């Protein structure tokens, strides 16, 4: 029986961003657009949910490479408003991505 050796790419990893509060939708869209334009080929998968300022519903998003969708989901209700994003890819700068996301917060 022949079994191929599994190659592990040390450059592939995941980045999780979790922040309380609301984001400015315009700033977030600008940041995501720039991120996908610059790193989209290296971002294999994105998913999570975000809290847009002034929107009673959380926004659920997902993406593969440069394809990205976002849709309103359930209302926040009594839940604390927060943002949870996960990026899976290679050669991603976690520190820079965290800082850039923080600039989107209100």
N, C-alpha and C. Protein backbone atom coordinates (compact mmCIF):
# COMPACT_ATOMS: atom_id res chain seq x y z
N UNK A 1 0.85 -1.18 0.00
CA UNK A 1 0.00 0.00 0.00
C UNK A 1 0.89 1.23 0.00
N UNK A 2 0.62 2.12 -0.93
CA UNK A 2 1.39 3.35 -1.03
C UNK A 2 0.64 4.48 -0.33
N UNK A 3 1.29 5.20 0.55
CA UNK A 3 0.69 6.33 1.24
C UNK A 3 1.57 7.55 1.01
N UNK A 4 1.00 8.58 0.46
CA UNK A 4 1.76 9.81 0.21
C UNK A 4 2.09 10.48 1.53
N UNK A 5 3.27 11.00 1.61
CA UNK A 5 3.63 11.76 2.80
C UNK A 5 2.86 13.06 2.83
N UNK A 6 2.42 13.41 4.01
CA UNK A 6 1.70 14.66 4.19
C UNK A 6 2.70 15.80 4.35
N UNK A 7 2.57 16.79 3.51
CA UNK A 7 3.44 17.96 3.63
C UNK A 7 2.71 19.03 4.41
N UNK A 8 3.38 19.60 5.37
CA UNK A 8 2.80 20.66 6.18
C UNK A 8 3.44 21.98 5.80
N UNK A 9 2.62 22.94 5.50
CA UNK A 9 3.11 24.27 5.13
C UNK A 9 3.08 25.15 6.38
N UNK A 10 4.25 25.45 6.91
CA UNK A 10 4.33 26.24 8.14
C UNK A 10 3.80 27.65 7.97
N UNK A 11 3.68 28.11 6.74
CA UNK A 11 3.21 29.47 6.52
C UNK A 11 1.69 29.59 6.63
N UNK A 12 0.96 28.48 6.57
CA UNK A 12 -0.49 28.51 6.65
C UNK A 12 -0.91 28.52 8.11
N UNK A 13 -1.83 29.42 8.43
CA UNK A 13 -2.31 29.50 9.80
C UNK A 13 -3.63 30.23 9.85
N UNK A 14 -4.10 30.45 11.06
CA UNK A 14 -5.35 31.16 11.24
C UNK A 14 -5.15 32.35 12.17
N UNK A 15 -5.96 33.35 11.95
CA UNK A 15 -5.94 34.55 12.78
C UNK A 15 -7.37 34.79 13.25
N UNK A 16 -7.53 34.95 14.55
CA UNK A 16 -8.84 35.26 15.11
C UNK A 16 -8.80 36.67 15.69
N UNK A 17 -9.80 37.44 15.34
CA UNK A 17 -9.94 38.79 15.88
C UNK A 17 -11.25 38.83 16.64
N UNK A 18 -11.20 39.19 17.90
CA UNK A 18 -12.40 39.25 18.72
C UNK A 18 -12.39 40.56 19.50
N UNK A 19 -13.40 41.38 19.26
CA UNK A 19 -13.49 42.68 19.92
C UNK A 19 -14.94 42.97 20.30
N UNK A 20 -15.13 43.57 21.45
CA UNK A 20 -16.45 44.05 21.86
C UNK A 20 -16.74 45.36 21.17
N UNK A 21 -18.04 45.71 21.08
CA UNK A 21 -18.43 47.01 20.55
C UNK A 21 -18.88 46.96 19.11
N UNK A 22 -18.97 48.14 18.52
CA UNK A 22 -19.45 48.30 17.15
C UNK A 22 -18.35 48.77 16.23
N UNK A 23 -18.52 48.46 14.95
CA UNK A 23 -17.61 48.96 13.93
C UNK A 23 -18.33 49.98 13.06
N UNK A 24 -17.54 50.85 12.47
CA UNK A 24 -18.04 51.79 11.47
C UNK A 24 -18.08 51.01 10.16
N UNK A 25 -19.28 50.80 9.58
CA UNK A 25 -19.38 49.99 8.36
C UNK A 25 -18.50 50.49 7.22
N UNK A 26 -18.41 51.81 7.07
CA UNK A 26 -17.60 52.36 5.98
C UNK A 26 -16.12 52.03 6.17
N UNK A 27 -15.63 52.22 7.39
CA UNK A 27 -14.22 51.91 7.67
C UNK A 27 -13.94 50.42 7.49
N UNK A 28 -14.88 49.59 7.95
CA UNK A 28 -14.69 48.15 7.82
C UNK A 28 -14.66 47.73 6.35
N UNK A 29 -15.58 48.26 5.56
CA UNK A 29 -15.62 47.93 4.14
C UNK A 29 -14.34 48.37 3.43
N UNK A 30 -13.84 49.54 3.80
CA UNK A 30 -12.58 50.02 3.21
C UNK A 30 -11.43 49.10 3.57
N UNK A 31 -11.35 48.73 4.85
CA UNK A 31 -10.27 47.84 5.30
C UNK A 31 -10.36 46.48 4.63
N UNK A 32 -11.56 45.88 4.61
CA UNK A 32 -11.71 44.56 3.99
C UNK A 32 -11.38 44.61 2.50
N UNK A 33 -11.81 45.67 1.83
CA UNK A 33 -11.50 45.81 0.40
C UNK A 33 -10.01 45.86 0.16
N UNK A 34 -9.32 46.64 0.98
CA UNK A 34 -7.86 46.76 0.85
C UNK A 34 -7.18 45.43 1.18
N UNK A 35 -7.63 44.79 2.25
CA UNK A 35 -7.04 43.51 2.66
C UNK A 35 -7.22 42.46 1.56
N UNK A 36 -8.42 42.37 1.01
CA UNK A 36 -8.66 41.37 -0.03
C UNK A 36 -7.91 41.69 -1.32
N UNK A 37 -7.78 42.98 -1.64
CA UNK A 37 -7.03 43.37 -2.84
C UNK A 37 -5.56 43.01 -2.70
N UNK A 38 -5.01 43.20 -1.50
CA UNK A 38 -3.59 42.96 -1.28
C UNK A 38 -3.26 41.51 -0.94
N UNK A 39 -4.15 40.84 -0.19
CA UNK A 39 -3.84 39.51 0.33
C UNK A 39 -4.86 38.44 -0.06
N UNK A 40 -5.82 38.80 -0.91
CA UNK A 40 -6.90 37.87 -1.23
C UNK A 40 -6.45 36.50 -1.70
N UNK A 41 -5.38 36.47 -2.47
CA UNK A 41 -4.88 35.19 -2.98
C UNK A 41 -4.35 34.31 -1.85
N UNK A 42 -3.90 34.94 -0.76
CA UNK A 42 -3.36 34.21 0.38
C UNK A 42 -4.39 33.92 1.46
N UNK A 43 -5.57 34.52 1.34
CA UNK A 43 -6.63 34.27 2.33
C UNK A 43 -7.52 33.17 1.77
N UNK A 44 -7.43 32.00 2.37
CA UNK A 44 -8.19 30.85 1.86
C UNK A 44 -9.65 30.91 2.30
N UNK A 45 -9.88 31.36 3.53
CA UNK A 45 -11.24 31.34 4.08
C UNK A 45 -11.38 32.43 5.13
N UNK A 46 -12.54 33.08 5.14
CA UNK A 46 -12.87 34.03 6.20
C UNK A 46 -14.28 33.72 6.66
N UNK A 47 -14.54 33.98 7.93
CA UNK A 47 -15.90 33.84 8.43
C UNK A 47 -16.01 34.53 9.77
N UNK A 48 -17.25 34.77 10.17
CA UNK A 48 -17.47 35.37 11.46
C UNK A 48 -18.71 36.23 11.48
N UNK A 49 -18.80 37.06 12.52
CA UNK A 49 -19.89 38.02 12.56
C UNK A 49 -19.39 39.33 13.15
N UNK A 50 -20.08 40.39 12.74
CA UNK A 50 -19.66 41.73 13.14
C UNK A 50 -20.87 42.53 13.60
N UNK A 51 -20.59 43.55 14.36
CA UNK A 51 -21.62 44.44 14.89
C UNK A 51 -21.46 45.81 14.24
N UNK A 52 -22.35 46.09 13.27
CA UNK A 52 -22.37 47.41 12.63
C UNK A 52 -23.06 48.40 13.55
N UNK A 53 -22.45 49.54 13.75
CA UNK A 53 -23.05 50.61 14.55
C UNK A 53 -24.41 50.97 13.96
N UNK A 54 -25.42 51.07 14.82
CA UNK A 54 -26.75 51.49 14.38
C UNK A 54 -27.60 50.38 13.79
N UNK A 55 -27.06 49.18 13.65
CA UNK A 55 -27.82 48.07 13.08
C UNK A 55 -28.23 47.13 14.21
N UNK A 56 -29.53 46.86 14.38
CA UNK A 56 -29.97 45.98 15.46
C UNK A 56 -29.63 44.51 15.22
N UNK A 57 -29.23 44.16 13.99
CA UNK A 57 -28.91 42.77 13.67
C UNK A 57 -27.40 42.59 13.52
N UNK A 58 -26.94 41.42 13.91
CA UNK A 58 -25.53 41.12 13.67
C UNK A 58 -25.37 40.78 12.19
N UNK A 59 -24.18 41.01 11.68
CA UNK A 59 -23.88 40.75 10.28
C UNK A 59 -22.99 39.50 10.23
N UNK A 60 -23.44 38.50 9.49
CA UNK A 60 -22.67 37.27 9.32
C UNK A 60 -21.95 37.35 7.98
N UNK A 61 -20.68 37.02 7.99
CA UNK A 61 -19.94 37.07 6.73
C UNK A 61 -19.12 35.81 6.54
N UNK A 62 -18.82 35.54 5.28
CA UNK A 62 -17.93 34.44 4.94
C UNK A 62 -17.31 34.73 3.59
N UNK A 63 -16.17 34.13 3.37
CA UNK A 63 -15.50 34.36 2.10
C UNK A 63 -14.50 33.28 1.78
N UNK A 64 -14.19 33.19 0.50
CA UNK A 64 -13.15 32.30 -0.01
C UNK A 64 -12.30 33.15 -0.95
N UNK A 65 -11.02 33.25 -0.64
CA UNK A 65 -10.11 34.12 -1.38
C UNK A 65 -10.72 35.53 -1.48
N UNK A 66 -10.95 36.03 -2.67
CA UNK A 66 -11.44 37.41 -2.81
C UNK A 66 -12.96 37.49 -2.91
N UNK A 67 -13.65 36.35 -2.87
CA UNK A 67 -15.11 36.34 -2.89
C UNK A 67 -15.61 36.44 -1.46
N UNK A 68 -16.54 37.35 -1.22
CA UNK A 68 -16.92 37.70 0.14
C UNK A 68 -18.39 38.07 0.17
N UNK A 69 -19.14 37.54 1.13
CA UNK A 69 -20.54 37.92 1.30
C UNK A 69 -20.80 38.28 2.76
N UNK A 70 -21.75 39.18 2.96
CA UNK A 70 -22.17 39.57 4.30
C UNK A 70 -23.68 39.74 4.28
N UNK A 71 -24.34 39.22 5.32
CA UNK A 71 -25.79 39.29 5.39
C UNK A 71 -26.24 39.56 6.82
N UNK A 72 -27.36 40.28 6.97
CA UNK A 72 -27.93 40.46 8.30
C UNK A 72 -28.39 39.10 8.85
N UNK A 73 -28.25 38.94 10.13
CA UNK A 73 -28.63 37.70 10.81
C UNK A 73 -29.66 38.05 11.89
N UNK A 74 -29.62 37.36 12.98
CA UNK A 74 -30.57 37.61 14.07
C UNK A 74 -30.27 38.93 14.78
N UNK A 75 -31.27 39.43 15.49
CA UNK A 75 -31.07 40.66 16.27
C UNK A 75 -30.20 40.37 17.48
N UNK A 76 -29.46 41.38 17.89
CA UNK A 76 -28.57 41.24 19.04
C UNK A 76 -29.37 41.02 20.32
N UNK A 77 -30.50 41.70 20.43
CA UNK A 77 -31.30 41.57 21.65
C UNK A 77 -30.49 41.99 22.86
N UNK A 78 -30.47 41.12 23.88
CA UNK A 78 -29.73 41.41 25.11
C UNK A 78 -28.28 40.95 25.07
N UNK A 79 -27.90 40.29 23.98
CA UNK A 79 -26.51 39.82 23.86
C UNK A 79 -25.55 41.00 23.78
N UNK A 80 -24.36 40.87 24.37
CA UNK A 80 -23.36 41.93 24.19
C UNK A 80 -22.95 42.00 22.72
N UNK A 81 -22.84 43.21 22.21
CA UNK A 81 -22.44 43.39 20.81
C UNK A 81 -20.93 43.17 20.71
N UNK A 82 -20.55 42.29 19.79
CA UNK A 82 -19.13 41.97 19.64
C UNK A 82 -18.85 41.58 18.20
N UNK A 83 -17.58 41.49 17.90
CA UNK A 83 -17.10 41.14 16.56
C UNK A 83 -16.18 39.93 16.70
N UNK A 84 -16.42 38.92 15.88
CA UNK A 84 -15.57 37.74 15.86
C UNK A 84 -15.27 37.40 14.41
N UNK A 85 -14.01 37.48 14.05
CA UNK A 85 -13.58 37.22 12.68
C UNK A 85 -12.48 36.17 12.69
N UNK A 86 -12.51 35.28 11.72
CA UNK A 86 -11.45 34.28 11.57
C UNK A 86 -10.96 34.32 10.12
N UNK A 87 -9.66 34.38 9.97
CA UNK A 87 -9.02 34.35 8.66
C UNK A 87 -8.10 33.14 8.62
N UNK A 88 -8.22 32.33 7.59
CA UNK A 88 -7.32 31.20 7.39
C UNK A 88 -6.56 31.45 6.10
N UNK A 89 -5.23 31.39 6.19
CA UNK A 89 -4.44 31.67 5.00
C UNK A 89 -2.96 31.53 5.25
N UNK A 90 -2.19 32.11 4.36
CA UNK A 90 -0.74 32.03 4.51
C UNK A 90 -0.15 33.44 4.43
N UNK A 91 0.98 33.59 5.10
CA UNK A 91 1.71 34.86 5.09
C UNK A 91 0.85 36.04 5.55
N UNK A 92 0.00 35.81 6.55
CA UNK A 92 -0.85 36.88 7.08
C UNK A 92 -0.16 37.50 8.29
N UNK A 93 -0.20 38.80 8.37
CA UNK A 93 0.43 39.55 9.45
C UNK A 93 -0.61 39.80 10.54
N UNK A 94 -0.62 38.93 11.54
CA UNK A 94 -1.65 39.01 12.58
C UNK A 94 -1.64 40.35 13.31
N UNK A 95 -0.47 40.80 13.70
CA UNK A 95 -0.38 42.05 14.45
C UNK A 95 -0.95 43.22 13.64
N UNK A 96 -0.59 43.29 12.37
CA UNK A 96 -1.08 44.38 11.51
C UNK A 96 -2.59 44.27 11.29
N UNK A 97 -3.08 43.05 11.09
CA UNK A 97 -4.52 42.87 10.88
C UNK A 97 -5.31 43.26 12.12
N UNK A 98 -4.80 42.93 13.29
CA UNK A 98 -5.47 43.31 14.55
C UNK A 98 -5.51 44.84 14.66
N UNK A 99 -4.38 45.48 14.40
CA UNK A 99 -4.32 46.95 14.48
C UNK A 99 -5.26 47.61 13.48
N UNK A 100 -5.26 47.09 12.26
CA UNK A 100 -6.12 47.67 11.22
C UNK A 100 -7.60 47.48 11.56
N UNK A 101 -7.96 46.33 12.11
CA UNK A 101 -9.36 46.13 12.51
C UNK A 101 -9.73 47.10 13.62
N UNK A 102 -8.83 47.29 14.57
CA UNK A 102 -9.11 48.21 15.69
C UNK A 102 -9.45 49.62 15.20
N UNK A 103 -8.88 50.02 14.07
CA UNK A 103 -9.17 51.35 13.52
C UNK A 103 -10.60 51.44 12.99
N UNK A 104 -11.26 50.30 12.81
CA UNK A 104 -12.65 50.28 12.32
C UNK A 104 -13.66 50.41 13.46
N UNK A 105 -13.19 50.23 14.70
CA UNK A 105 -14.09 50.30 15.85
C UNK A 105 -14.50 51.74 16.14
N UNK A 106 -15.69 51.88 16.67
CA UNK A 106 -16.18 53.22 17.05
C UNK A 106 -15.84 53.46 18.51
